[in-house]
C-alpha atoms as a PDB file:
ATOM      1  CA  MET A   1     -10.064  51.739  13.344  1.00  0.00           C
ATOM      2  CA  SER A   2     -13.520  50.126  13.268  1.00  0.00           C
ATOM      3  CA  LYS A   3     -13.355  49.785   9.460  1.00  0.00           C
ATOM      4  CA  PHE A   4      -9.972  48.086   9.778  1.00  0.00           C
ATOM      5  CA  LYS A   5     -11.330  45.623  12.339  1.00  0.00           C
ATOM      6  CA  THR A   6     -14.331  44.898  10.138  1.00  0.00           C
ATOM      7  CA  ARG A   7     -12.118  44.194   7.134  1.00  0.00           C
ATOM      8  CA  LEU A   8      -9.785  42.073   9.259  1.00  0.00           C
ATOM      9  CA  ARG A   9     -12.713  40.004  10.516  1.00  0.00           C
ATOM     10  CA  LYS A  10     -13.895  39.467   6.926  1.00  0.00           C
ATOM     11  CA  VAL A  11     -10.410  38.389   5.799  1.00  0.00           C
ATOM     12  CA  LEU A  12     -10.038  36.010   8.739  1.00  0.00           C
ATOM     13  CA  LYS A  13     -13.512  34.600   8.106  1.00  0.00           C
ATOM     14  CA  ILE A  14     -12.716  33.968   4.432  1.00  0.00           C
ATOM     15  CA  PHE A  15      -9.374  32.430   5.397  1.00  0.00           C
ATOM     16  CA  ALA A  16     -11.098  30.104   7.889  1.00  0.00           C
ATOM     17  CA  ILE A  17     -13.662  29.050   5.286  1.00  0.00           C
ATOM     18  CA  VAL A  18     -10.923  28.307   2.761  1.00  0.00           C
ATOM     19  CA  ILE A  19      -9.024  26.190   5.304  1.00  0.00           C
ATOM     20  CA  VAL A  20     -12.146  24.219   6.216  1.00  0.00           C
ATOM     21  CA  VAL A  21     -13.021  23.646   2.559  1.00  0.00           C
ATOM     22  CA  LEU A  22      -9.501  22.449   1.814  1.00  0.00           C
ATOM     23  CA  LEU A  23      -9.535  20.113   4.813  1.00  0.00           C
ATOM     24  CA  VAL A  24     -12.741  18.597   3.464  1.00  0.00           C
ATOM     25  CA  LEU A  25     -11.981  18.560  -0.268  1.00  0.00           C
ATOM     26  CA  ILE A  26      -8.377  17.330  -0.167  1.00  0.00           C
ATOM     27  CA  PRO A  27      -9.190  14.028   1.563  1.00  0.00           C
ATOM     28  CA  ILE A  28     -12.161  13.491  -0.769  1.00  0.00           C
ATOM     29  CA  ALA A  29      -9.967  14.161  -3.809  1.00  0.00           C
ATOM     30  CA  MET A  30      -7.251  11.825  -2.509  1.00  0.00           C
ATOM     31  CA  ASN A  31      -9.722   9.010  -1.958  1.00  0.00           C
ATOM     32  CA  PHE A  32     -11.213   9.552  -5.402  1.00  0.00           C
ATOM     33  CA  LEU A  33      -7.945   9.742  -7.313  1.00  0.00           C
ATOM     34  CA  MET A  34      -6.057   6.995  -5.478  1.00  0.00           C
ATOM     35  CA  PRO A  35      -7.654   3.576  -4.782  1.00  0.00           C
ATOM     36  CA  PHE A  36      -6.354   3.203  -1.220  1.00  0.00           C
ATOM     37  CA  ASN A  37      -8.987   0.635  -0.323  1.00  0.00           C
ATOM     38  CA  GLU A  38     -10.727  -0.655  -3.443  1.00  0.00           C
ATOM     39  CA  LYS A  39     -13.747  -2.781  -2.547  1.00  0.00           C
ATOM     40  CA  ASP A  40     -14.068  -6.447  -3.502  1.00  0.00           C
ATOM     41  CA  LYS A  41     -16.990  -5.732  -5.823  1.00  0.00           C
ATOM     42  CA  LYS A  42     -14.944  -3.312  -7.891  1.00  0.00           C
ATOM     43  CA  LEU A  43     -11.979  -5.706  -7.987  1.00  0.00           C
ATOM     44  CA  LYS A  44     -14.192  -8.536  -9.193  1.00  0.00           C
ATOM     45  CA  ALA A  45     -15.675  -6.307 -11.892  1.00  0.00           C
ATOM     46  CA  TYR A  46     -12.185  -5.403 -13.120  1.00  0.00           C
ATOM     47  CA  PHE A  47     -11.096  -9.022 -13.488  1.00  0.00           C
ATOM     48  CA  GLU A  48     -14.434 -10.108 -14.973  1.00  0.00           C
ATOM     49  CA  GLU A  49     -14.025  -7.486 -17.667  1.00  0.00           C
ATOM     50  CA  ALA A  50     -10.516  -8.814 -18.307  1.00  0.00           C
ATOM     51  CA  GLY A  51     -11.857 -12.367 -18.501  1.00  0.00           C
ATOM     52  CA  VAL A  52      -9.684 -13.513 -15.601  1.00  0.00           C
ATOM     53  CA  GLU A  53     -10.743 -15.525 -12.574  1.00  0.00           C
ATOM     54  CA  VAL A  54      -9.591 -13.881  -9.357  1.00  0.00           C
ATOM     55  CA  LYS A  55      -9.641 -15.240  -5.819  1.00  0.00           C
ATOM     56  CA  ILE A  56     -10.042 -12.612  -3.125  1.00  0.00           C
ATOM     57  CA  HIS A  57      -8.804 -13.928   0.200  1.00  0.00           C
ATOM     58  CA  HIS A  58      -9.941 -12.540   3.550  1.00  0.00           C
ATOM     59  CA  GLN A  59      -8.166 -14.081   6.497  1.00  0.00           C
ATOM     60  CA  GLU A  60      -6.909 -13.128   9.941  1.00  0.00           C
ATOM     61  CA  TYR A  61      -3.433 -12.161  11.092  1.00  0.00           C
ATOM     62  CA  GLN A  62      -2.592 -11.218  14.667  1.00  0.00           C
ATOM     63  CA  GLY A  63      -6.282 -11.012  15.468  1.00  0.00           C
ATOM     64  CA  LYS A  64      -7.190  -8.598  12.669  1.00  0.00           C
ATOM     65  CA  PRO A  65      -8.454  -9.041   9.089  1.00  0.00           C
ATOM     66  CA  ILE A  66      -6.112  -9.131   6.107  1.00  0.00           C
ATOM     67  CA  ARG A  67      -6.693  -9.299   2.362  1.00  0.00           C
ATOM     68  CA  PHE A  68      -4.799 -10.515  -0.688  1.00  0.00           C
ATOM     69  CA  ILE A  69      -5.791 -11.586  -4.182  1.00  0.00           C
ATOM     70  CA  GLU A  70      -4.662 -14.447  -6.394  1.00  0.00           C
ATOM     71  CA  THR A  71      -4.771 -15.292 -10.103  1.00  0.00           C
ATOM     72  CA  LYS A  72      -3.431 -18.250 -12.067  1.00  0.00           C
ATOM     73  CA  GLY A  73      -3.854 -19.406 -15.642  1.00  0.00           C
ATOM     74  CA  GLU A  74      -4.872 -22.970 -16.472  1.00  0.00           C
ATOM     75  CA  THR A  75      -1.457 -23.788 -17.949  1.00  0.00           C
ATOM     76  CA  ALA A  76       0.603 -22.161 -15.184  1.00  0.00           C
ATOM     77  CA  PRO A  77       2.494 -24.585 -12.920  1.00  0.00           C
ATOM     78  CA  ASP A  78       1.571 -24.745  -9.232  1.00  0.00           C
ATOM     79  CA  SER A  79       5.271 -24.672  -8.381  1.00  0.00           C
ATOM     80  CA  SER A  80       5.832 -21.067  -9.512  1.00  0.00           C
ATOM     81  CA  LEU A  81       4.777 -18.047  -7.425  1.00  0.00           C
ATOM     82  CA  VAL A  82       5.127 -14.281  -7.984  1.00  0.00           C
ATOM     83  CA  VAL A  83       4.194 -11.900  -5.158  1.00  0.00           C
ATOM     84  CA  PHE A  84       3.681  -8.153  -5.623  1.00  0.00           C
ATOM     85  CA  VAL A  85       4.237  -5.785  -2.672  1.00  0.00           C
ATOM     86  CA  HIS A  86       3.047  -2.171  -2.972  1.00  0.00           C
ATOM     87  CA  GLY A  87       4.618   1.006  -1.640  1.00  0.00           C
ATOM     88  CA  ALA A  88       3.401   3.825   0.606  1.00  0.00           C
ATOM     89  CA  PRO A  89       0.658   4.713   0.233  1.00  0.00           C
ATOM     90  CA  GLY A  90      -0.889   2.026  -1.926  1.00  0.00           C
ATOM     91  CA  SER A  91      -2.878  -1.185  -2.008  1.00  0.00           C
ATOM     92  CA  LEU A  92      -3.074  -4.511  -3.800  1.00  0.00           C
ATOM     93  CA  SER A  93      -4.920  -2.685  -6.611  1.00  0.00           C
ATOM     94  CA  ASP A  94      -1.610  -1.130  -7.669  1.00  0.00           C
ATOM     95  CA  HIS A  95      -0.614  -4.432  -9.283  1.00  0.00           C
ATOM     96  CA  LYS A  96      -3.925  -5.778 -10.555  1.00  0.00           C
ATOM     97  CA  ALA A  97      -2.942  -5.151 -14.179  1.00  0.00           C
ATOM     98  CA  PHE A  98      -0.075  -7.619 -13.765  1.00  0.00           C
ATOM     99  CA  LEU A  99      -2.436 -10.196 -12.272  1.00  0.00           C
ATOM    100  CA  ALA A 100      -4.630  -9.882 -15.360  1.00  0.00           C
ATOM    101  CA  ASP A 101      -1.777 -10.111 -17.876  1.00  0.00           C
ATOM    102  CA  SER A 102      -2.309 -13.115 -20.168  1.00  0.00           C
ATOM    103  CA  ASP A 103       1.402 -13.835 -20.671  1.00  0.00           C
ATOM    104  CA  LEU A 104       2.119 -13.857 -16.941  1.00  0.00           C
ATOM    105  CA  LEU A 105      -1.009 -15.879 -16.222  1.00  0.00           C
ATOM    106  CA  SER A 106       0.202 -18.637 -18.508  1.00  0.00           C
ATOM    107  CA  ARG A 107       3.484 -18.911 -16.595  1.00  0.00           C
ATOM    108  CA  THR A 108       2.869 -18.514 -12.891  1.00  0.00           C
ATOM    109  CA  ARG A 109       0.489 -18.064  -9.970  1.00  0.00           C
ATOM    110  CA  MET A 110       0.421 -14.422  -8.834  1.00  0.00           C
ATOM    111  CA  LEU A 111      -0.474 -12.723  -5.564  1.00  0.00           C
ATOM    112  CA  SER A 112      -0.959  -9.061  -4.734  1.00  0.00           C
ATOM    113  CA  ILE A 113      -1.313  -8.152  -1.068  1.00  0.00           C
ATOM    114  CA  ASP A 114      -2.626  -5.288   0.997  1.00  0.00           C
ATOM    115  CA  ARG A 115       0.331  -4.564   3.270  1.00  0.00           C
ATOM    116  CA  LEU A 116      -0.315  -4.129   6.981  1.00  0.00           C
ATOM    117  CA  GLY A 117      -2.015  -0.769   7.462  1.00  0.00           C
ATOM    118  CA  TYR A 118      -3.518  -0.594   3.972  1.00  0.00           C
ATOM    119  CA  GLY A 119      -6.616  -1.759   2.131  1.00  0.00           C
ATOM    120  CA  GLY A 120      -8.135  -4.816   3.753  1.00  0.00           C
ATOM    121  CA  SER A 121      -5.162  -5.515   6.035  1.00  0.00           C
ATOM    122  CA  HIS A 122      -5.314  -3.747   9.417  1.00  0.00           C
ATOM    123  CA  TYR A 123      -6.424  -0.586   7.573  1.00  0.00           C
ATOM    124  CA  GLY A 124      -5.278   2.557   9.365  1.00  0.00           C
ATOM    125  CA  ASP A 125      -3.034   0.739  11.858  1.00  0.00           C
ATOM    126  CA  ALA A 126       0.521   1.595  10.817  1.00  0.00           C
ATOM    127  CA  GLU A 127       3.267  -1.010  10.989  1.00  0.00           C
ATOM    128  CA  PRO A 128       6.497   0.841  10.085  1.00  0.00           C
ATOM    129  CA  GLY A 129       8.716  -2.146  10.897  1.00  0.00           C
ATOM    130  CA  ILE A 130      10.327  -3.710   7.830  1.00  0.00           C
ATOM    131  CA  ALA A 131      10.930  -6.975   9.685  1.00  0.00           C
ATOM    132  CA  GLU A 132       7.293  -7.113  10.774  1.00  0.00           C
ATOM    133  CA  GLN A 133       6.113  -6.472   7.219  1.00  0.00           C
ATOM    134  CA  SER A 134       8.428  -9.250   6.041  1.00  0.00           C
ATOM    135  CA  ASP A 135       6.955 -11.620   8.635  1.00  0.00           C
ATOM    136  CA  PHE A 136       3.485 -10.817   7.318  1.00  0.00           C
ATOM    137  CA  LEU A 137       4.671 -11.621   3.809  1.00  0.00           C
ATOM    138  CA  LYS A 138       5.993 -14.969   5.026  1.00  0.00           C
ATOM    139  CA  PHE A 139       2.620 -15.744   6.619  1.00  0.00           C
ATOM    140  CA  ILE A 140       0.942 -15.446   3.222  1.00  0.00           C
ATOM    141  CA  ILE A 141       3.643 -17.149   1.154  1.00  0.00           C
ATOM    142  CA  ASP A 142       3.646 -20.168   3.461  1.00  0.00           C
ATOM    143  CA  LYS A 143       0.134 -20.924   2.230  1.00  0.00           C
ATOM    144  CA  TYR A 144       1.487 -21.766  -1.232  1.00  0.00           C
ATOM    145  CA  PRO A 145       3.950 -24.652  -1.672  1.00  0.00           C
ATOM    146  CA  HIS A 146       6.328 -23.681  -4.464  1.00  0.00           C
ATOM    147  CA  ASP A 147       9.668 -24.430  -6.079  1.00  0.00           C
ATOM    148  CA  LYS A 148      10.188 -20.944  -7.521  1.00  0.00           C
ATOM    149  CA  LEU A 149       9.447 -17.670  -5.736  1.00  0.00           C
ATOM    150  CA  ILE A 150       9.804 -14.203  -7.277  1.00  0.00           C
ATOM    151  CA  LEU A 151       9.121 -11.108  -5.161  1.00  0.00           C
ATOM    152  CA  SER A 152       8.392  -7.709  -6.688  1.00  0.00           C
ATOM    153  CA  GLY A 153       8.454  -4.677  -4.386  1.00  0.00           C
ATOM    154  CA  HIS A 154       7.670  -1.095  -5.366  1.00  0.00           C
ATOM    155  CA  SER A 155       8.932   1.898  -3.362  1.00  0.00           C
ATOM    156  CA  PHE A 156       8.746   0.931   0.342  1.00  0.00           C
ATOM    157  CA  GLY A 157       7.836  -2.558  -0.842  1.00  0.00           C
ATOM    158  CA  GLY A 158      11.441  -2.779  -2.098  1.00  0.00           C
ATOM    159  CA  PRO A 159      13.221  -3.057   1.255  1.00  0.00           C
ATOM    160  CA  ILE A 160      10.436  -5.326   2.507  1.00  0.00           C
ATOM    161  CA  VAL A 161      11.024  -7.927  -0.205  1.00  0.00           C
ATOM    162  CA  ALA A 162      14.784  -7.474   0.272  1.00  0.00           C
ATOM    163  CA  LYS A 163      14.395  -8.196   3.988  1.00  0.00           C
ATOM    164  CA  PHE A 164      12.361 -11.283   3.158  1.00  0.00           C
ATOM    165  CA  ALA A 165      15.091 -12.521   0.818  1.00  0.00           C
ATOM    166  CA  MET A 166      17.715 -11.925   3.529  1.00  0.00           C
ATOM    167  CA  ASP A 167      15.653 -13.859   6.069  1.00  0.00           C
ATOM    168  CA  TYR A 168      14.613 -16.680   3.744  1.00  0.00           C
ATOM    169  CA  PRO A 169      17.223 -17.041   0.986  1.00  0.00           C
ATOM    170  CA  GLU A 170      16.514 -20.767   0.737  1.00  0.00           C
ATOM    171  CA  ILE A 171      13.031 -20.160  -0.688  1.00  0.00           C
ATOM    172  CA  THR A 172      13.606 -16.898  -2.601  1.00  0.00           C
ATOM    173  CA  ASN A 173      14.711 -17.220  -6.214  1.00  0.00           C
ATOM    174  CA  LYS A 174      14.513 -13.633  -7.445  1.00  0.00           C
ATOM    175  CA  VAL A 175      13.777 -10.161  -6.121  1.00  0.00           C
ATOM    176  CA  ILE A 176      12.631  -7.233  -8.260  1.00  0.00           C
ATOM    177  CA  MET A 177      12.772  -3.776  -6.680  1.00  0.00           C
ATOM    178  CA  LEU A 178      11.057  -0.916  -8.508  1.00  0.00           C
ATOM    179  CA  ALA A 179      12.165   2.558  -7.359  1.00  0.00           C
ATOM    180  CA  PRO A 180      12.982   1.123  -3.923  1.00  0.00           C
ATOM    181  CA  LEU A 181      13.703   3.103  -0.762  1.00  0.00           C
ATOM    182  CA  ASN A 182      16.889   1.325   0.241  1.00  0.00           C
ATOM    183  CA  GLU A 183      19.345   4.034   1.267  1.00  0.00           C
ATOM    184  CA  PRO A 184      18.811   5.816   4.628  1.00  0.00           C
ATOM    185  CA  ALA A 185      21.020   8.771   3.702  1.00  0.00           C
ATOM    186  CA  SER A 186      18.852   9.603   0.672  1.00  0.00           C
ATOM    187  CA  GLU A 187      15.559   9.584   2.553  1.00  0.00           C
ATOM    188  CA  PRO A 188      14.564  13.272   2.840  1.00  0.00           C
ATOM    189  CA  ILE A 189      11.494  14.323   4.811  1.00  0.00           C
ATOM    190  CA  PHE A 190       9.521  16.846   2.781  1.00  0.00           C
ATOM    191  CA  LYS A 191       7.686  19.597   4.672  1.00  0.00           C
ATOM    192  CA  ILE A 192       4.342  18.497   3.223  1.00  0.00           C
ATOM    193  CA  SER A 193       4.798  15.170   5.026  1.00  0.00           C
ATOM    194  CA  TYR A 194       4.273  16.875   8.378  1.00  0.00           C
ATOM    195  CA  VAL A 195       0.648  17.560   7.469  1.00  0.00           C
ATOM    196  CA  ALA A 196       0.014  13.870   8.136  1.00  0.00           C
ATOM    197  CA  LYS A 197       2.018  13.934  11.372  1.00  0.00           C
ATOM    198  CA  TRP A 198       0.498  16.854  13.244  1.00  0.00           C
ATOM    199  CA  LYS A 199      -2.736  15.979  15.074  1.00  0.00           C
ATOM    200  CA  LEU A 200      -4.345  19.251  14.012  1.00  0.00           C
ATOM    201  CA  THR A 201      -4.047  18.482  10.293  1.00  0.00           C
ATOM    202  CA  ARG A 202      -3.877  14.671  10.411  1.00  0.00           C
ATOM    203  CA  TRP A 203      -7.448  13.808  11.363  1.00  0.00           C
ATOM    204  CA  PRO A 204      -9.239  14.629   8.058  1.00  0.00           C
ATOM    205  CA  LEU A 205      -6.732  12.817   5.840  1.00  0.00           C
ATOM    206  CA  PRO A 206      -7.326   9.312   4.429  1.00  0.00           C
ATOM    207  CA  LYS A 207      -6.013   6.634   6.790  1.00  0.00           C
ATOM    208  CA  ALA A 208      -3.649   5.390   4.094  1.00  0.00           C
ATOM    209  CA  ILE A 209      -1.949   8.800   3.968  1.00  0.00           C
ATOM    210  CA  ASN A 210      -1.441   8.784   7.729  1.00  0.00           C
ATOM    211  CA  VAL A 211      -0.075   5.235   7.657  1.00  0.00           C
ATOM    212  CA  SER A 212       2.277   6.253   4.860  1.00  0.00           C
ATOM    213  CA  ALA A 213       3.521   9.204   6.928  1.00  0.00           C
ATOM    214  CA  ASP A 214       4.094   6.984   9.961  1.00  0.00           C
ATOM    215  CA  GLU A 215       6.193   4.693   7.765  1.00  0.00           C
ATOM    216  CA  LYS A 216       8.003   7.643   6.223  1.00  0.00           C
ATOM    217  CA  PHE A 217       9.131   9.073   9.562  1.00  0.00           C
ATOM    218  CA  ALA A 218      10.454   5.651  10.571  1.00  0.00           C
ATOM    219  CA  HIS A 219      12.270   4.960   7.267  1.00  0.00           C
ATOM    220  CA  VAL A 220      15.761   6.063   8.241  1.00  0.00           C
ATOM    221  CA  GLU A 221      15.828   4.085  11.477  1.00  0.00           C
ATOM    222  CA  GLU A 222      14.255   1.024   9.873  1.00  0.00           C
ATOM    223  CA  LEU A 223      16.565   1.034   6.855  1.00  0.00           C
END
């Protein structure tokens, strides 16, 4: 019996070590592989290498910092505006390649935003409300007088830009939704998602993952 207990202790010890290692390594790997909160210095370096001037805006919304970036070619009219809205998780970096595209730069001013809860905008503080995310979008867009507005939303950004267009049809010209989450009935909750919901397993994860999970569990009701 003593040999069995000794072996059991060894197995449990190894199991505990593996769990601890995974809890440490998974968040590190996630942060490394996915730019949830790319720093300004790295963003500037990217656009400098592309030969594009970028404006990185840090402002305040509801008492907390927000961030969005802007590019515009010399020949692009001031009256045209394209705004990119990322999914969950994500950040404004998801669309930086578009903001550096020479053809687009010659045609329009472009913005990419960190949605509330991500990147430089209330990082880690989830805002699952689609209407609230749309209001935030309006706050930024109001800073740019325009005659033509095109909104591009990816994943959860899709229903956000759709909500904006519903609320402000008079200023929205076009909406592009890329793999949008628009249908409540087709919004399954995968078991892996609960890792970012339970307090025991939530704490070591990147904040962006937790924010994404908070949004995910509110999708059906919000949609």
